[in-house]
Amino acid sequence: MMDAAAARAAADVPGIPRDKDGPVFREPWEAQAFAMALALHERGVFTWAEWAATLADQIKRAQADGDPDTGETYYRHWMATLETLVAAKGVATPELLHRYRDAWDHAADRTPHGAPIELTPQDFE
């Protein structure tokens, strides 16, 4: 069953992939991205109205750039929205987000398929 925060997000943010039990995720990272947005909202970083408007803008831009909007990229837009709002609200700078994205890519490149990806200090070099 879905908790109250997830239920509120599912109700307030249009387009969340869901079934009768609540949000559904194709990959673990999608659930983690959803959880990050819930946590930031619960801490007052943004309202669901701000989130929905920013996500809608992100999806419109992606569609204008050729995204076929078949659902497979929904949580990529979700992550881009997270990054946009985190930077806009001063939680992290775009440079810091870029640094962590590069470190994550480095960690993913060295991690065997199927193993959990873990960031180490060397990933930031």
C-alpha atoms as a PDB file:
ATOM      1  CA  MET A   1       0.000   0.000   0.000  1.00  0.00           C
ATOM      2  CA  MET A   2       1.035   3.547  -0.693  1.00  0.00           C
ATOM      3  CA  ASP A   3       1.800   5.899   2.199  1.00  0.00           C
ATOM      4  CA  ALA A   4       0.004   9.240   2.547  1.00  0.00           C
ATOM      5  CA  ALA A   5       2.810  11.304   0.972  1.00  0.00           C
ATOM      6  CA  ALA A   6       2.999   9.041  -2.068  1.00  0.00           C
ATOM      7  CA  ALA A   7      -0.792   9.083  -2.391  1.00  0.00           C
ATOM      8  CA  ARG A   8      -0.789  12.893  -2.275  1.00  0.00           C
ATOM      9  CA  ALA A   9       1.942  13.084  -4.931  1.00  0.00           C
ATOM     10  CA  ALA A  10       0.092  10.609  -7.141  1.00  0.00           C
ATOM     11  CA  ALA A  11      -3.058  12.726  -6.824  1.00  0.00           C
ATOM     12  CA  ASP A  12      -1.393  16.142  -7.246  1.00  0.00           C
ATOM     13  CA  VAL A  13       1.108  15.415  -9.994  1.00  0.00           C
ATOM     14  CA  PRO A  14      -0.483  14.383 -13.281  1.00  0.00           C
ATOM     15  CA  GLY A  15       1.050  11.653 -15.404  1.00  0.00           C
ATOM     16  CA  ILE A  16       2.644   9.524 -12.693  1.00  0.00           C
ATOM     17  CA  PRO A  17       2.645   5.956 -14.038  1.00  0.00           C
ATOM     18  CA  ARG A  18       0.388   4.015 -11.691  1.00  0.00           C
ATOM     19  CA  ASP A  19      -1.905   1.081 -11.254  1.00  0.00           C
ATOM     20  CA  LYS A  20      -4.755   0.527  -8.785  1.00  0.00           C
ATOM     21  CA  ASP A  21      -2.245   0.283  -5.897  1.00  0.00           C
ATOM     22  CA  GLY A  22      -0.359   3.506  -6.662  1.00  0.00           C
ATOM     23  CA  PRO A  23       2.788   4.574  -8.521  1.00  0.00           C
ATOM     24  CA  VAL A  24       4.602   1.901 -10.527  1.00  0.00           C
ATOM     25  CA  PHE A  25       8.269   1.890 -11.480  1.00  0.00           C
ATOM     26  CA  ARG A  26      10.087   0.000 -14.239  1.00  0.00           C
ATOM     27  CA  GLU A  27      13.504   0.331 -12.589  1.00  0.00           C
ATOM     28  CA  PRO A  28      14.710   0.824  -8.997  1.00  0.00           C
ATOM     29  CA  TRP A  29      16.174   4.247  -9.835  1.00  0.00           C
ATOM     30  CA  GLU A  30      12.684   5.457 -10.785  1.00  0.00           C
ATOM     31  CA  ALA A  31      11.387   4.605  -7.306  1.00  0.00           C
ATOM     32  CA  GLN A  32      14.417   6.337  -5.796  1.00  0.00           C
ATOM     33  CA  ALA A  33      13.782   9.465  -7.878  1.00  0.00           C
ATOM     34  CA  PHE A  34      10.145   9.432  -6.751  1.00  0.00           C
ATOM     35  CA  ALA A  35      11.255   9.075  -3.122  1.00  0.00           C
ATOM     36  CA  MET A  36      13.723  11.970  -3.466  1.00  0.00           C
ATOM     37  CA  ALA A  37      10.955  14.225  -4.754  1.00  0.00           C
ATOM     38  CA  LEU A  38       8.691  13.179  -1.872  1.00  0.00           C
ATOM     39  CA  ALA A  39      11.426  13.874   0.679  1.00  0.00           C
ATOM     40  CA  LEU A  40      12.244  17.299  -0.769  1.00  0.00           C
ATOM     41  CA  HIS A  41       8.569  18.234  -0.910  1.00  0.00           C
ATOM     42  CA  GLU A  42       8.042  17.104   2.682  1.00  0.00           C
ATOM     43  CA  ARG A  43      10.966  19.331   3.707  1.00  0.00           C
ATOM     44  CA  GLY A  44       9.322  22.312   2.026  1.00  0.00           C
ATOM     45  CA  VAL A  45      11.755  22.715  -0.865  1.00  0.00           C
ATOM     46  CA  PHE A  46       8.853  23.002  -3.338  1.00  0.00           C
ATOM     47  CA  THR A  47       5.085  22.672  -3.510  1.00  0.00           C
ATOM     48  CA  TRP A  48       3.364  20.074  -5.647  1.00  0.00           C
ATOM     49  CA  ALA A  49       2.010  22.912  -7.786  1.00  0.00           C
ATOM     50  CA  GLU A  50       5.605  24.089  -8.445  1.00  0.00           C
ATOM     51  CA  TRP A  51       6.635  20.503  -9.124  1.00  0.00           C
ATOM     52  CA  ALA A  52       3.786  19.850 -11.558  1.00  0.00           C
ATOM     53  CA  ALA A  53       4.424  23.089 -13.470  1.00  0.00           C
ATOM     54  CA  THR A  54       8.175  22.438 -13.725  1.00  0.00           C
ATOM     55  CA  LEU A  55       7.626  18.819 -14.773  1.00  0.00           C
ATOM     56  CA  ALA A  56       5.091  19.895 -17.415  1.00  0.00           C
ATOM     57  CA  ASP A  57       7.597  22.432 -18.790  1.00  0.00           C
ATOM     58  CA  GLN A  58      10.319  19.751 -18.850  1.00  0.00           C
ATOM     59  CA  ILE A  59       8.085  17.327 -20.737  1.00  0.00           C
ATOM     60  CA  LYS A  60       7.013  20.018 -23.227  1.00  0.00           C
ATOM     61  CA  ARG A  61      10.668  20.891 -23.929  1.00  0.00           C
ATOM     62  CA  ALA A  62      11.530  17.225 -24.396  1.00  0.00           C
ATOM     63  CA  GLN A  63       8.604  16.720 -26.769  1.00  0.00           C
ATOM     64  CA  ALA A  64       9.663  19.783 -28.757  1.00  0.00           C
ATOM     65  CA  ASP A  65      13.113  18.172 -29.022  1.00  0.00           C
ATOM     66  CA  GLY A  66      11.624  14.921 -30.356  1.00  0.00           C
ATOM     67  CA  ASP A  67      10.749  12.839 -27.275  1.00  0.00           C
ATOM     68  CA  PRO A  68       7.931  10.566 -28.482  1.00  0.00           C
ATOM     69  CA  ASP A  69       6.218  10.685 -25.043  1.00  0.00           C
ATOM     70  CA  THR A  70       5.569   6.954 -24.913  1.00  0.00           C
ATOM     71  CA  GLY A  71       6.102   6.768 -21.149  1.00  0.00           C
ATOM     72  CA  GLU A  72       9.571   5.240 -21.079  1.00  0.00           C
ATOM     73  CA  THR A  73      11.218   8.603 -20.446  1.00  0.00           C
ATOM     74  CA  TYR A  74       8.818   9.891 -17.782  1.00  0.00           C
ATOM     75  CA  TYR A  75      11.238   9.449 -14.891  1.00  0.00           C
ATOM     76  CA  ARG A  76      14.077  10.982 -16.888  1.00  0.00           C
ATOM     77  CA  HIS A  77      11.911  14.092 -17.008  1.00  0.00           C
ATOM     78  CA  TRP A  78      11.274  13.595 -13.286  1.00  0.00           C
ATOM     79  CA  MET A  79      15.050  13.656 -12.625  1.00  0.00           C
ATOM     80  CA  ALA A  80      15.531  16.730 -14.812  1.00  0.00           C
ATOM     81  CA  THR A  81      12.755  18.410 -12.832  1.00  0.00           C
ATOM     82  CA  LEU A  82      14.456  17.464  -9.564  1.00  0.00           C
ATOM     83  CA  GLU A  83      17.717  18.983 -10.789  1.00  0.00           C
ATOM     84  CA  THR A  84      15.972  22.141 -12.003  1.00  0.00           C
ATOM     85  CA  LEU A  85      14.135  22.749  -8.737  1.00  0.00           C
ATOM     86  CA  VAL A  86      17.079  21.858  -6.503  1.00  0.00           C
ATOM     87  CA  ALA A  87      19.209  24.392  -8.372  1.00  0.00           C
ATOM     88  CA  ALA A  88      16.455  27.038  -8.514  1.00  0.00           C
ATOM     89  CA  LYS A  89      15.792  26.735  -4.785  1.00  0.00           C
ATOM     90  CA  GLY A  90      19.495  26.962  -3.905  1.00  0.00           C
ATOM     91  CA  VAL A  91      19.713  23.464  -2.425  1.00  0.00           C
ATOM     92  CA  ALA A  92      22.607  22.648  -4.753  1.00  0.00           C
ATOM     93  CA  THR A  93      24.335  24.521  -7.545  1.00  0.00           C
ATOM     94  CA  PRO A  94      24.193  23.313 -11.129  1.00  0.00           C
ATOM     95  CA  GLU A  95      27.982  22.787 -10.853  1.00  0.00           C
ATOM     96  CA  LEU A  96      27.581  20.495  -7.853  1.00  0.00           C
ATOM     97  CA  LEU A  97      24.853  18.536  -9.615  1.00  0.00           C
ATOM     98  CA  HIS A  98      27.114  18.190 -12.657  1.00  0.00           C
ATOM     99  CA  ARG A  99      29.998  17.015 -10.448  1.00  0.00           C
ATOM    100  CA  TYR A 100      27.842  14.297  -8.904  1.00  0.00           C
ATOM    101  CA  ARG A 101      26.439  13.285 -12.310  1.00  0.00           C
ATOM    102  CA  ASP A 102      29.994  12.854 -13.621  1.00  0.00           C
ATOM    103  CA  ALA A 103      31.000  10.887 -10.504  1.00  0.00           C
ATOM    104  CA  TRP A 104      27.953   8.649 -10.910  1.00  0.00           C
ATOM    105  CA  ASP A 105      28.836   7.999 -14.563  1.00  0.00           C
ATOM    106  CA  HIS A 106      32.393   7.100 -13.529  1.00  0.00           C
ATOM    107  CA  ALA A 107      31.133   4.755 -10.800  1.00  0.00           C
ATOM    108  CA  ALA A 108      28.650   3.134 -13.188  1.00  0.00           C
ATOM    109  CA  ASP A 109      31.409   2.552 -15.767  1.00  0.00           C
ATOM    110  CA  ARG A 110      33.550   0.634 -13.256  1.00  0.00           C
ATOM    111  CA  THR A 111      30.691  -1.336 -11.671  1.00  0.00           C
ATOM    112  CA  PRO A 112      29.925  -4.833 -13.006  1.00  0.00           C
ATOM    113  CA  HIS A 113      26.441  -5.223 -14.477  1.00  0.00           C
ATOM    114  CA  GLY A 114      23.892  -6.047 -11.802  1.00  0.00           C
ATOM    115  CA  ALA A 115      26.053  -4.911  -8.888  1.00  0.00           C
ATOM    116  CA  PRO A 116      25.013  -1.892  -6.813  1.00  0.00           C
ATOM    117  CA  ILE A 117      26.698   1.338  -7.846  1.00  0.00           C
ATOM    118  CA  GLU A 118      28.561   3.024  -5.011  1.00  0.00           C
ATOM    119  CA  LEU A 119      30.291   6.377  -5.178  1.00  0.00           C
ATOM    120  CA  THR A 120      33.826   6.548  -3.847  1.00  0.00           C
ATOM    121  CA  PRO A 121      36.162   9.538  -3.475  1.00  0.00           C
ATOM    122  CA  GLN A 122      37.996   8.392  -6.615  1.00  0.00           C
ATOM    123  CA  ASP A 123      34.815   8.876  -8.667  1.00  0.00           C
ATOM    124  CA  PHE A 124      35.082  12.625  -8.049  1.00  0.00           C
ATOM    125  CA  GLU A 125      38.649  12.947  -9.352  1.00  0.00           C
END
